[in-house]
Amino acid sequence: MNFTCQRPEALYAIFLLIPALVFGLYHYRQVINNYKKITIKDSDFLPARRIKKYSITILARSVFLSLFWIMLVLAYAGFSWGTYLEPVQKSGSAVSLVYDISYSMNADDAPGGMTRLNAAKKYSAMLLSRMENTAISVVIAKGEGVVVVPLTEDRAVVESLLDSLSPALMSAGGSSIGKGIRSALKSFPANSSQANTIWVFTDGDETDGMLDGALAECIKNGVSVYLIGFGTEREVKVLAGDGRTPVMTALRIEKMKSACDNAMKKNMVRHISDLQVAYVDATEPGSALQLLDSIKGGSLHYGSAAVENDSDAQNSVTYELKPMQRYSLFLGLGIIFLVLSFLVSELDPDAIAGRIHRNSVVSIVFLVMSLTSCRERVDGAKTILSSTWNWYQHKYNDAIAGYLQTACEADSEDDKMLEQYAVYGLAVTYLSQNENDAALERFGQLESSEFNPVKYATNYNCGVIAYRKGNYDTAARYFREALKVDGSKIDAKINLELSLKNSEKEAKARENSISRVNESDSTNTMEEAVFERIREYDKKQWQNSENTENTSSATDY
């Protein structure tokens, strides 16, 4: 299984997580520091547990968001593995003739005492005379593969080249059929509408073992390959390229058949005859007709059945092996991680005062699990779920309408459970709209509820309303009632502590105010007494002065 990546440079985007995580850590530390400042100084247990819970939530959310980003990057990078066959309509045909001109083709074991290369020339000349309206290219292969005639419909050019084919045309040593096939594959235009085929005239005696890989590459590109064998399986002595060293060579039929079978099996195209990788014995009767039929269309074979193709003889359906793109897999995983990141944060409620209790979600789940007795109850549960979804989307009017409808229907059916959950949802919606009086009125209908989730949430939210109004004693009373129903709730414990502390502060503030008023009154009384004594003393002094003056005047007179 081959893994491929169309845009590997996109993987560098994963490193953008580093600054994002650093910023997130900095923000997290600021939040923790601020939280510590507002928590109660003499109660470290509950805030410590709250900070730990908040830390786990932030860590989980960061992990899920990081995975979400990684999945997006992998989807854009274009990873693929595995293959599938895609049918492609082809019009016309093109053939690349690959001639093996290695020195092993000079062996004279072909029919009539001809060399293998001369037999290949004569055989291909006969094929060319019957290939009207077919584009042809020519490749010579030895130690390398070279395109000597690009794709053309001028058969005369190809026929004139046949007489000059010889091992002396190339200086590269060895024999590489695979490189010749790859050069032939490159001679076809990209995205061509023609049905492309490669004919290889060879004895199969290669020296580099590249045949299997070249055949697999042709199948992936929807190109059929036929290996046309010349010679006999009996070992024949020929001279190597230096003209002096004798070597033994033979027609390697089993090797070529094995390479073709392996390529077909690995790429899942064994039963589709329009895409073929096969060995053809040049000495077998009808082999030339088999090759000519492969480029003229005709019939499509699936297993042992044949279906006639009614289209033009030049039109055919071929199958190209396409890599399976996996971007949808990565996108799906990314969406899952994104949803999980939101769920982690939403299911971890804040404990600060004034926050609407989120036990409504738990209550609704409990409701759905328990509503299985009748159809009316199930319909009511669906309406409540729909209204709850509207509440999360801040569509409060729609939520109110749904809750009211369910409450009325439940009242008429005398379904207490459904009615109480509907009334609870209605109260929470009013609370979300800051209509505290209306919310309290609805919560008042639920104070005697027999269902613990509803009873706990009712007392909790009444405590929130009282806290908002500054009635800390009342808020503390409601939080105590909530804890009596479910003593494991950390939110209610923390809010109870906050309410009690604020109530104490408020009481101390009142005492200080009364004390200041009393001190001010006593100070004013003392000041008035002092000023009264001063006025009396001044008055006596004035009266004494007047009496003295009057007596003196009378005597003088």
Protein backbone atom coordinates (compact mmCIF):
# COMPACT_ATOMS: atom_id res chain seq x y z
CA MET A 1 0.00 0.00 0.00
CA ASN A 2 1.54 3.30 -1.16
CA PHE A 3 1.12 6.48 0.86
CA THR A 4 1.23 9.68 -1.15
CA CYS A 5 0.95 13.35 -0.25
CA GLN A 6 0.03 15.94 -2.85
CA ARG A 7 1.05 19.02 -0.84
CA PRO A 8 3.72 18.03 1.72
CA GLU A 9 4.65 21.68 2.27
CA ALA A 10 1.25 22.16 3.97
CA LEU A 11 2.48 20.07 6.91
CA TYR A 12 4.52 23.06 8.11
CA ALA A 13 1.21 24.63 9.18
CA ILE A 14 1.14 22.17 12.10
CA PHE A 15 3.93 24.21 13.72
CA LEU A 16 1.47 27.12 14.06
CA LEU A 17 0.17 25.22 17.07
CA ILE A 18 3.27 26.20 19.03
CA PRO A 19 2.52 29.97 19.28
CA ALA A 20 -1.18 29.21 19.71
CA LEU A 21 -0.48 26.91 22.67
CA VAL A 22 1.95 29.42 24.18
CA PHE A 23 -0.70 32.15 23.98
CA GLY A 24 -3.30 29.77 25.43
CA LEU A 25 -1.00 28.95 28.35
CA TYR A 26 -0.43 32.66 29.02
CA HIS A 27 -4.18 33.33 28.93
CA TYR A 28 -4.82 30.36 31.21
CA ARG A 29 -2.35 31.62 33.81
CA GLN A 30 -4.02 35.04 33.77
CA VAL A 31 -7.43 33.47 34.33
CA ILE A 32 -6.12 31.37 37.21
CA ASN A 33 -4.48 34.39 38.84
CA ASN A 34 -7.67 36.42 38.55
CA TYR A 35 -9.70 33.54 39.92
CA LYS A 36 -7.45 33.27 42.95
CA LYS A 37 -7.93 36.98 43.65
CA ILE A 38 -11.70 36.73 43.79
CA THR A 39 -11.90 33.49 45.76
CA ILE A 40 -12.35 33.41 49.51
CA LYS A 41 -9.05 33.84 51.32
CA ASP A 42 -9.90 31.67 54.30
CA SER A 43 -11.42 28.77 52.32
CA ASP A 44 -8.86 27.13 50.11
CA PHE A 45 -10.44 23.73 49.67
CA LEU A 46 -13.32 24.48 47.31
CA PRO A 47 -11.47 27.01 45.12
CA ALA A 48 -8.56 24.56 44.82
CA ARG A 49 -10.89 21.85 43.58
CA ARG A 50 -12.53 24.31 41.23
CA ILE A 51 -9.18 25.41 39.78
CA LYS A 52 -8.16 21.79 39.29
CA LYS A 53 -11.41 21.06 37.46
CA TYR A 54 -10.97 24.13 35.31
CA SER A 55 -7.38 23.08 34.51
CA ILE A 56 -8.51 19.66 33.31
CA THR A 57 -11.18 21.28 31.14
CA ILE A 58 -8.69 23.68 29.54
CA LEU A 59 -6.18 20.88 28.94
CA ALA A 60 -8.77 18.61 27.30
CA ARG A 61 -10.13 21.43 25.16
CA SER A 62 -6.62 22.40 24.03
CA VAL A 63 -5.86 18.80 23.05
CA PHE A 64 -9.07 18.46 21.03
CA LEU A 65 -8.60 21.81 19.28
CA SER A 66 -4.99 20.89 18.46
CA LEU A 67 -6.15 17.59 16.97
CA PHE A 68 -8.81 19.47 15.01
CA TRP A 69 -6.15 21.73 13.49
CA ILE A 70 -3.88 18.77 12.68
CA MET A 71 -6.75 16.98 10.91
CA LEU A 72 -7.47 20.09 8.82
CA VAL A 73 -3.82 20.32 7.79
CA LEU A 74 -3.66 16.62 6.89
CA ALA A 75 -6.86 16.94 4.85
CA TYR A 76 -5.42 19.89 2.90
CA ALA A 77 -2.07 18.11 2.43
CA GLY A 78 -3.87 15.51 0.31
CA PHE A 79 -2.86 12.21 1.85
CA SER A 80 -3.95 9.13 -0.05
CA TRP A 81 -3.45 5.39 0.21
CA GLY A 82 -5.05 2.53 -1.60
CA THR A 83 -6.42 2.62 -5.14
CA TYR A 84 -9.67 2.19 -7.03
CA LEU A 85 -10.57 1.66 -10.68
CA GLU A 86 -12.27 4.51 -12.51
CA PRO A 87 -13.89 3.85 -15.90
CA VAL A 88 -12.82 6.33 -18.58
CA GLN A 89 -14.32 6.74 -22.02
CA LYS A 90 -11.59 6.70 -24.67
CA SER A 91 -11.82 7.76 -28.30
CA GLY A 92 -9.20 6.50 -30.74
CA SER A 93 -6.04 4.63 -29.86
CA ALA A 94 -2.32 5.21 -29.50
CA VAL A 95 0.44 2.60 -29.39
CA SER A 96 4.03 2.90 -28.28
CA LEU A 97 6.36 0.30 -29.80
CA VAL A 98 9.21 -0.59 -27.45
CA TYR A 99 12.10 -2.48 -29.07
CA ASP A 100 14.57 -4.31 -26.88
CA ILE A 101 17.90 -3.80 -28.74
CA SER A 102 20.16 -5.44 -26.14
CA TYR A 103 22.79 -7.91 -27.42
CA SER A 104 20.65 -10.86 -26.30
CA MET A 105 18.29 -9.98 -29.17
CA ASN A 106 21.09 -10.97 -31.61
CA ALA A 107 20.52 -14.63 -30.76
CA ASP A 108 19.50 -16.51 -33.94
CA ASP A 109 16.87 -18.83 -32.42
CA ALA A 110 13.84 -17.15 -34.06
CA PRO A 111 11.83 -19.05 -36.74
CA GLY A 112 13.69 -19.41 -40.05
CA GLY A 113 17.07 -18.90 -38.35
CA MET A 114 16.47 -15.16 -37.94
CA THR A 115 17.76 -13.21 -34.99
CA ARG A 116 15.25 -12.22 -32.38
CA LEU A 117 15.61 -8.53 -33.32
CA ASN A 118 15.03 -9.18 -37.03
CA ALA A 119 11.98 -11.29 -36.20
CA ALA A 120 10.66 -8.41 -34.09
CA LYS A 121 11.16 -6.00 -37.01
CA LYS A 122 9.29 -8.24 -39.44
CA TYR A 123 6.49 -8.91 -36.95
CA SER A 124 5.99 -5.22 -36.13
CA ALA A 125 6.06 -4.26 -39.83
CA MET A 126 3.15 -6.63 -40.40
CA LEU A 127 1.25 -5.04 -37.52
CA LEU A 128 1.93 -1.50 -38.80
CA SER A 129 0.29 -2.29 -42.13
CA ARG A 130 -3.00 -2.88 -40.33
CA MET A 131 -2.94 0.03 -37.86
CA GLU A 132 -4.93 2.70 -39.68
CA ASN A 133 -5.88 5.85 -37.74
CA THR A 134 -3.62 4.86 -34.84
CA ALA A 135 -1.03 7.18 -33.38
CA ILE A 136 2.37 5.50 -32.93
CA SER A 137 5.57 6.26 -31.02
CA VAL A 138 8.82 4.29 -30.99
CA VAL A 139 11.10 3.64 -28.02
CA ILE A 140 14.39 1.75 -28.04
CA ALA A 141 15.51 0.09 -24.82
CA LYS A 142 18.87 -1.20 -23.76
CA GLY A 143 20.51 0.00 -20.55
CA GLU A 144 18.19 3.03 -20.87
CA GLY A 145 14.91 3.86 -22.59
CA VAL A 146 14.86 6.53 -25.31
CA VAL A 147 11.92 7.86 -27.34
CA VAL A 148 13.23 8.00 -30.92
CA VAL A 149 9.89 8.75 -32.63
CA PRO A 150 7.32 10.87 -30.76
CA LEU A 151 3.64 10.06 -31.10
CA THR A 152 2.63 10.38 -34.76
CA GLU A 153 0.23 8.92 -37.34
CA ASP A 154 2.88 8.90 -40.05
CA ARG A 155 3.61 5.18 -40.33
CA ALA A 156 6.23 5.73 -43.00
CA VAL A 157 8.55 7.32 -40.47
CA VAL A 158 8.22 4.32 -38.19
CA GLU A 159 8.73 1.80 -41.02
CA SER A 160 11.88 3.58 -42.17
CA LEU A 161 13.32 3.29 -38.65
CA LEU A 162 12.87 -0.47 -38.42
CA ASP A 163 15.76 -1.29 -40.79
CA SER A 164 18.22 0.70 -38.67
CA LEU A 165 17.42 -0.97 -35.31
CA SER A 166 20.61 -2.41 -33.81
CA PRO A 167 22.33 -2.73 -30.41
CA ALA A 168 24.88 -0.25 -31.73
CA LEU A 169 22.32 2.56 -31.56
CA MET A 170 22.88 2.87 -27.79
CA SER A 171 26.08 2.73 -25.79
CA ALA A 172 24.43 2.01 -22.42
CA GLY A 173 25.22 -1.48 -21.22
CA GLY A 174 22.85 -4.09 -19.90
CA SER A 175 19.17 -4.64 -20.65
CA SER A 176 16.38 -2.63 -18.98
CA ILE A 177 12.91 -3.41 -20.25
CA GLY A 178 11.38 -1.46 -17.37
CA LYS A 179 13.10 1.79 -18.36
CA GLY A 180 11.89 1.33 -21.93
CA ILE A 181 8.29 0.90 -20.72
CA ARG A 182 8.52 4.03 -18.54
CA SER A 183 9.84 6.05 -21.52
CA ALA A 184 6.93 4.77 -23.61
CA LEU A 185 4.51 5.81 -20.89
CA LYS A 186 5.93 9.33 -20.96
CA SER A 187 5.49 9.50 -24.74
CA PHE A 188 1.69 9.64 -24.29
CA PRO A 189 0.22 13.11 -23.68
CA ALA A 190 -1.17 13.75 -20.22
CA ASN A 191 -4.99 13.50 -19.94
CA SER A 192 -5.22 12.09 -23.44
CA SER A 193 -8.63 10.93 -24.66
CA GLN A 194 -7.02 8.07 -26.60
CA ALA A 195 -6.77 4.49 -25.38
CA ASN A 196 -3.03 4.03 -24.82
CA THR A 197 -1.24 0.71 -25.29
CA ILE A 198 2.40 -0.34 -25.11
CA TRP A 199 3.83 -3.24 -27.16
CA VAL A 200 7.21 -4.48 -26.02
CA PHE A 201 9.22 -6.63 -28.46
CA THR A 202 11.68 -8.48 -26.24
CA ASP A 203 13.06 -11.79 -25.01
CA GLY A 204 12.48 -10.84 -21.36
CA ASP A 205 16.16 -11.20 -20.48
CA GLU A 206 16.58 -8.06 -18.35
CA THR A 207 19.46 -7.24 -16.02
CA ASP A 208 18.05 -4.64 -13.57
CA GLY A 209 14.72 -6.15 -12.35
CA MET A 210 12.64 -2.99 -13.05
CA LEU A 211 9.95 -4.73 -15.09
CA ASP A 212 7.46 -5.30 -12.23
CA GLY A 213 7.49 -1.67 -11.10
CA ALA A 214 7.10 -0.35 -14.65
CA LEU A 215 4.06 -2.58 -15.27
CA ALA A 216 2.42 -1.43 -12.03
CA GLU A 217 2.98 2.20 -13.02
CA CYS A 218 1.29 1.60 -16.38
CA ILE A 219 -1.77 0.07 -14.71
CA LYS A 220 -2.07 3.10 -12.42
CA ASN A 221 -2.18 5.31 -15.50
CA GLY A 222 -4.71 3.14 -17.33
CA VAL A 223 -2.27 1.94 -20.00
CA SER A 224 -2.31 -1.66 -21.26
CA VAL A 225 1.02 -3.43 -21.82
CA TYR A 226 1.71 -6.49 -23.95
CA LEU A 227 5.08 -8.26 -23.74
CA ILE A 228 5.71 -9.94 -27.10
CA GLY A 229 8.28 -12.71 -26.77
CA PHE A 230 10.82 -13.74 -29.44
CA GLY A 231 13.21 -16.67 -29.36
CA THR A 232 13.14 -20.03 -27.61
CA GLU A 233 13.49 -21.13 -24.02
CA ARG A 234 16.61 -23.05 -24.95
CA GLU A 235 19.83 -21.36 -23.87
CA VAL A 236 21.72 -19.79 -26.78
CA LYS A 237 25.26 -18.38 -26.80
CA VAL A 238 25.74 -14.79 -27.92
CA LEU A 239 28.60 -12.31 -27.69
CA ALA A 240 28.41 -9.47 -25.16
CA GLY A 241 28.94 -5.82 -26.00
CA ASP A 242 32.73 -6.13 -26.04
CA GLY A 243 32.49 -8.55 -28.99
CA ARG A 244 34.58 -11.21 -27.24
CA THR A 245 32.76 -12.39 -24.09
CA PRO A 246 30.21 -15.18 -24.74
CA VAL A 247 27.00 -15.16 -22.63
CA MET A 248 24.03 -17.52 -22.48
CA THR A 249 20.54 -16.16 -23.14
CA ALA A 250 17.02 -17.54 -23.61
CA LEU A 251 13.40 -16.43 -23.92
CA ARG A 252 12.25 -15.82 -20.33
CA ILE A 253 8.58 -16.72 -20.70
CA GLU A 254 7.86 -17.61 -17.06
CA LYS A 255 9.54 -14.47 -15.80
CA MET A 256 7.40 -12.23 -18.03
CA LYS A 257 4.18 -14.11 -17.22
CA SER A 258 4.89 -13.88 -13.52
CA ALA A 259 5.52 -10.12 -13.77
CA CYS A 260 2.21 -9.62 -15.62
CA ASP A 261 0.21 -11.74 -13.14
CA ASN A 262 1.69 -9.95 -10.15
CA ALA A 263 0.87 -6.54 -11.59
CA MET A 264 -2.73 -7.53 -12.33
CA LYS A 265 -3.29 -9.09 -8.90
CA LYS A 266 -1.81 -6.24 -6.89
CA ASN A 267 -3.84 -3.64 -8.74
CA MET A 268 -7.20 -5.53 -8.78
CA VAL A 269 -7.73 -5.54 -12.55
CA ARG A 270 -7.59 -9.24 -13.29
CA HIS A 271 -11.16 -9.46 -14.67
CA ILE A 272 -11.27 -6.29 -16.73
CA SER A 273 -9.97 -7.01 -20.24
CA ASP A 274 -9.89 -3.37 -21.36
CA LEU A 275 -6.90 -2.84 -19.08
CA GLN A 276 -4.48 -5.66 -19.73
CA VAL A 277 -0.93 -6.53 -18.80
CA ALA A 278 -0.21 -9.77 -20.60
CA TYR A 279 2.42 -11.89 -22.31
CA VAL A 280 1.97 -12.79 -26.00
CA ASP A 281 4.07 -15.42 -27.78
CA ALA A 282 4.95 -14.08 -31.23
CA THR A 283 5.08 -17.62 -32.67
CA GLU A 284 1.58 -18.50 -31.47
CA PRO A 285 -1.10 -18.43 -34.21
CA GLY A 286 -3.49 -15.50 -33.84
CA SER A 287 -1.15 -13.48 -31.64
CA ALA A 288 -1.14 -10.57 -34.13
CA LEU A 289 -4.95 -10.51 -34.20
CA GLN A 290 -5.00 -10.43 -30.40
CA LEU A 291 -2.77 -7.34 -30.43
CA LEU A 292 -4.78 -5.60 -33.13
CA ASP A 293 -8.04 -6.28 -31.31
CA SER A 294 -6.64 -4.65 -28.20
CA ILE A 295 -6.44 -1.26 -29.95
CA LYS A 296 -9.70 -1.38 -31.91
CA GLY A 297 -12.23 -1.72 -29.07
CA GLY A 298 -14.97 -4.24 -29.72
CA SER A 299 -16.15 -5.95 -26.55
CA LEU A 300 -15.86 -5.49 -22.79
CA HIS A 301 -15.17 -8.64 -20.77
CA TYR A 302 -16.03 -9.09 -17.12
CA GLY A 303 -14.88 -12.50 -15.98
CA SER A 304 -16.17 -15.10 -18.45
CA ALA A 305 -19.07 -12.98 -19.75
CA ALA A 306 -18.79 -10.69 -22.78
CA VAL A 307 -20.99 -7.70 -23.51
CA GLU A 308 -20.87 -6.24 -27.00
CA ASN A 309 -20.04 -2.56 -27.20
CA ASP A 310 -22.53 -0.83 -29.51
CA SER A 311 -20.41 2.32 -29.79
CA ASP A 312 -18.05 3.09 -32.60
CA ALA A 313 -15.10 0.69 -32.98
CA GLN A 314 -12.72 3.48 -32.14
CA ASN A 315 -14.48 4.18 -28.82
CA SER A 316 -13.75 2.08 -25.78
CA VAL A 317 -13.95 2.11 -22.03
CA THR A 318 -10.72 1.73 -20.12
CA TYR A 319 -10.08 1.69 -16.40
CA GLU A 320 -7.56 3.94 -14.76
CA LEU A 321 -6.19 3.17 -11.33
CA LYS A 322 -6.76 6.21 -9.13
CA PRO A 323 -5.38 6.80 -5.63
CA MET A 324 -8.02 6.98 -2.92
CA GLN A 325 -8.02 10.46 -1.44
CA ARG A 326 -8.47 10.43 2.32
CA TYR A 327 -9.34 14.08 2.94
CA SER A 328 -12.91 13.16 3.88
CA LEU A 329 -11.57 10.89 6.64
CA PHE A 330 -9.44 13.67 8.10
CA LEU A 331 -12.27 16.21 7.81
CA GLY A 332 -14.64 13.85 9.61
CA LEU A 333 -12.15 13.31 12.43
CA GLY A 334 -11.58 17.07 12.60
CA ILE A 335 -15.29 17.74 13.03
CA ILE A 336 -15.48 15.12 15.79
CA PHE A 337 -12.56 16.71 17.66
CA LEU A 338 -14.11 20.18 17.26
CA VAL A 339 -17.44 18.98 18.69
CA LEU A 340 -15.63 17.28 21.58
CA SER A 341 -13.79 20.52 22.38
CA PHE A 342 -17.11 22.33 22.73
CA LEU A 343 -18.68 19.53 24.75
CA VAL A 344 -15.76 19.50 27.19
CA SER A 345 -16.14 23.20 27.86
CA GLU A 346 -19.95 23.19 27.92
CA LEU A 347 -20.26 20.23 30.26
CA ASP A 348 -17.96 21.89 32.80
CA PRO A 349 -20.16 24.71 34.20
CA ASP A 350 -18.69 27.78 35.83
CA ALA A 351 -19.43 28.16 39.48
CA ILE A 352 -19.49 31.96 39.63
CA ALA A 353 -22.66 33.56 40.89
CA GLY A 354 -25.19 34.67 38.32
CA ARG A 355 -24.50 31.76 35.96
CA ILE A 356 -27.63 29.86 34.90
CA HIS A 357 -27.43 26.30 36.04
CA ARG A 358 -26.73 23.87 33.20
CA ASN A 359 -28.34 20.91 34.86
CA SER A 360 -31.09 21.44 32.32
CA VAL A 361 -29.09 19.36 29.84
CA VAL A 362 -28.74 16.51 32.34
CA SER A 363 -32.40 16.83 33.20
CA ILE A 364 -33.43 16.62 29.57
CA VAL A 365 -31.28 13.51 29.05
CA PHE A 366 -32.87 11.96 32.13
CA LEU A 367 -36.26 12.88 30.74
CA VAL A 368 -35.60 11.25 27.37
CA MET A 369 -34.37 8.08 29.06
CA SER A 370 -37.49 7.85 31.20
CA LEU A 371 -40.12 8.80 28.63
CA THR A 372 -40.84 5.44 27.08
CA SER A 373 -44.35 4.64 28.28
CA CYS A 374 -46.54 6.23 25.63
CA ARG A 375 -46.46 8.04 22.35
CA GLU A 376 -47.74 11.34 23.80
CA ARG A 377 -44.90 11.40 26.28
CA VAL A 378 -42.33 10.69 23.54
CA ASP A 379 -43.78 13.48 21.39
CA GLY A 380 -43.61 15.82 24.37
CA ALA A 381 -39.98 14.83 24.95
CA LYS A 382 -39.16 15.64 21.33
CA THR A 383 -40.76 19.06 21.71
CA ILE A 384 -38.73 19.72 24.87
CA LEU A 385 -35.52 18.65 23.14
CA SER A 386 -36.32 20.95 20.23
CA SER A 387 -37.05 23.82 22.60
CA THR A 388 -33.81 23.16 24.50
CA TRP A 389 -31.88 23.34 21.24
CA ASN A 390 -33.59 26.66 20.47
CA TRP A 391 -32.57 27.84 23.94
CA TYR A 392 -28.93 27.03 23.24
CA GLN A 393 -29.22 28.99 20.00
CA HIS A 394 -30.71 31.95 21.91
CA LYS A 395 -34.03 31.60 20.08
CA TYR A 396 -35.92 32.23 23.29
CA ASN A 397 -39.32 32.95 21.75
CA ASP A 398 -39.33 29.61 19.95
CA ALA A 399 -38.18 27.87 23.12
CA ILE A 400 -40.95 29.48 25.18
CA ALA A 401 -43.57 28.46 22.62
CA GLY A 402 -42.40 24.84 22.70
CA TYR A 403 -42.27 24.65 26.49
CA LEU A 404 -45.73 26.24 26.84
CA GLN A 405 -47.21 23.83 24.32
CA THR A 406 -45.71 20.82 26.12
CA ALA A 407 -46.81 22.09 29.53
CA CYS A 408 -50.43 22.54 28.36
CA GLU A 409 -50.53 19.11 26.69
CA ALA A 410 -48.99 17.44 29.73
CA ASP A 411 -51.50 19.15 32.02
CA SER A 412 -54.39 17.89 29.90
CA GLU A 413 -52.90 14.37 29.91
CA ASP A 414 -52.19 14.62 33.67
CA ASP A 415 -48.53 13.80 33.06
CA LYS A 416 -46.78 15.40 36.03
CA MET A 417 -43.25 14.52 35.00
CA LEU A 418 -43.55 15.98 31.51
CA GLU A 419 -45.32 19.05 32.85
CA GLN A 420 -42.66 19.78 35.45
CA TYR A 421 -39.80 19.45 32.95
CA ALA A 422 -41.63 21.77 30.56
CA VAL A 423 -42.24 24.33 33.31
CA TYR A 424 -38.60 24.08 34.36
CA GLY A 425 -37.44 24.77 30.80
CA LEU A 426 -39.82 27.72 30.65
CA ALA A 427 -38.42 29.14 33.91
CA VAL A 428 -34.81 28.77 32.72
CA THR A 429 -35.69 30.55 29.47
CA TYR A 430 -37.23 33.47 31.40
CA LEU A 431 -34.10 33.58 33.54
CA SER A 432 -31.96 33.78 30.40
CA GLN A 433 -33.97 36.83 29.37
CA ASN A 434 -33.40 38.46 32.79
CA GLU A 435 -37.10 38.24 33.57
CA ASN A 436 -36.42 37.22 37.14
CA ASP A 437 -39.96 37.71 38.49
CA ALA A 438 -41.48 35.54 35.77
CA ALA A 439 -38.81 32.93 36.35
CA LEU A 440 -39.47 32.91 40.11
CA GLU A 441 -43.17 32.46 39.45
CA ARG A 442 -42.48 29.37 37.34
CA PHE A 443 -39.91 28.02 39.79
CA GLY A 444 -42.51 28.43 42.51
CA GLN A 445 -44.65 25.83 40.72
CA LEU A 446 -41.79 23.34 41.07
CA GLU A 447 -40.88 23.72 44.75
CA SER A 448 -42.86 20.59 45.66
CA SER A 449 -41.47 18.54 42.78
CA GLU A 450 -40.93 14.84 43.41
CA PHE A 451 -38.17 14.55 40.83
CA ASN A 452 -34.75 15.24 42.30
CA PRO A 453 -33.10 16.71 39.15
CA VAL A 454 -35.91 19.25 38.83
CA LYS A 455 -35.98 19.96 42.56
CA TYR A 456 -32.23 20.53 42.75
CA ALA A 457 -32.12 22.76 39.66
CA THR A 458 -35.12 24.79 40.90
CA ASN A 459 -33.53 25.60 44.25
CA TYR A 460 -30.19 26.31 42.61
CA ASN A 461 -31.60 28.79 40.11
CA CYS A 462 -33.77 30.47 42.76
CA GLY A 463 -30.55 30.97 44.70
CA VAL A 464 -28.96 32.53 41.62
CA ILE A 465 -31.86 34.97 41.28
CA ALA A 466 -31.69 35.90 44.96
CA TYR A 467 -27.93 36.42 44.67
CA ARG A 468 -28.45 38.71 41.69
CA LYS A 469 -30.88 40.81 43.71
CA GLY A 470 -28.46 41.03 46.64
CA ASN A 471 -30.60 38.88 48.95
CA TYR A 472 -27.67 36.81 50.17
CA ASP A 473 -29.48 35.20 53.09
CA THR A 474 -32.27 34.02 50.80
CA ALA A 475 -29.71 32.81 48.28
CA ALA A 476 -27.89 30.83 50.97
CA ARG A 477 -31.19 29.23 52.02
CA TYR A 478 -31.91 28.11 48.45
CA PHE A 479 -28.40 26.71 47.98
CA ARG A 480 -28.77 24.74 51.24
CA GLU A 481 -32.03 23.25 49.95
CA ALA A 482 -30.31 22.32 46.69
CA LEU A 483 -27.52 20.56 48.58
CA LYS A 484 -30.06 18.63 50.61
CA VAL A 485 -31.28 17.15 47.33
CA ASP A 486 -27.80 16.45 45.93
CA GLY A 487 -24.88 17.09 48.25
CA SER A 488 -22.23 16.19 45.65
CA LYS A 489 -22.63 19.39 43.61
CA ILE A 490 -19.52 21.56 43.90
CA ASP A 491 -21.27 24.53 42.24
CA ALA A 492 -23.90 24.79 44.96
CA LYS A 493 -21.26 24.47 47.69
CA ILE A 494 -19.16 27.27 46.26
CA ASN A 495 -22.16 29.54 45.72
CA LEU A 496 -23.33 28.82 49.27
CA GLU A 497 -19.93 29.93 50.59
CA LEU A 498 -20.06 33.08 48.47
CA SER A 499 -23.58 33.90 49.67
CA LEU A 500 -22.65 33.42 53.32
CA LYS A 501 -19.53 35.56 52.99
CA ASN A 502 -21.41 38.34 51.24
CA SER A 503 -24.15 38.15 53.88
CA GLU A 504 -21.52 38.55 56.63
CA LYS A 505 -19.94 41.47 54.81
CA GLU A 506 -23.34 43.12 54.43
CA ALA A 507 -24.08 42.68 58.16
CA LYS A 508 -20.69 44.14 59.12
CA ALA A 509 -21.29 47.06 56.78
CA ARG A 510 -24.63 47.80 58.50
CA GLU A 511 -23.02 47.64 61.95
CA ASN A 512 -20.27 50.04 60.90
CA SER A 513 -22.86 52.43 59.50
CA ILE A 514 -24.88 52.43 62.75
CA SER A 515 -21.71 52.94 64.79
CA ARG A 516 -20.69 55.93 62.72
CA VAL A 517 -24.14 57.46 63.12
CA ASN A 518 -24.00 57.08 66.92
CA GLU A 519 -20.53 58.54 67.15
CA SER A 520 -21.63 61.49 65.03
CA ASP A 521 -24.68 62.13 67.27
CA SER A 522 -22.61 62.12 70.49
CA THR A 523 -20.03 64.44 68.96
CA ASN A 524 -22.71 66.90 67.92
CA THR A 525 -24.24 66.89 71.44
CA MET A 526 -20.91 67.67 73.09
CA GLU A 527 -20.21 70.46 70.63
CA GLU A 528 -23.62 72.05 71.30
CA ALA A 529 -23.07 71.88 75.10
CA VAL A 530 -19.70 73.56 74.81
CA PHE A 531 -21.05 76.28 72.58
CA GLU A 532 -23.99 76.82 75.01
CA ARG A 533 -21.64 77.33 77.97
CA ILE A 534 -19.59 79.78 75.89
CA ARG A 535 -22.71 81.76 75.00
CA GLU A 536 -23.84 81.85 78.64
CA TYR A 537 -20.43 83.08 79.79
CA ASP A 538 -20.35 85.80 77.12
CA LYS A 539 -23.83 86.90 78.10
CA LYS A 540 -22.84 87.26 81.78
CA GLN A 541 -19.76 89.23 80.84
CA TRP A 542 -21.89 91.61 78.76
CA GLN A 543 -24.40 92.15 81.54
CA ASN A 544 -21.64 92.92 84.11
CA SER A 545 -20.10 95.46 81.75
CA GLU A 546 -23.39 97.31 81.30
CA ASN A 547 -24.03 97.56 85.06
CA THR A 548 -20.59 99.08 85.77
CA GLU A 549 -20.94 101.79 83.18
CA ASN A 550 -24.37 102.90 84.43
CA THR A 551 -23.17 103.34 88.05
CA SER A 552 -20.16 105.49 87.09
CA SER A 553 -22.25 107.79 84.97
CA ALA A 554 -24.75 108.54 87.75
CA THR A 555 -22.07 109.47 90.29
CA ASP A 556 -20.25 111.76 87.85
CA TYR A 557 -23.50 113.46 87.01
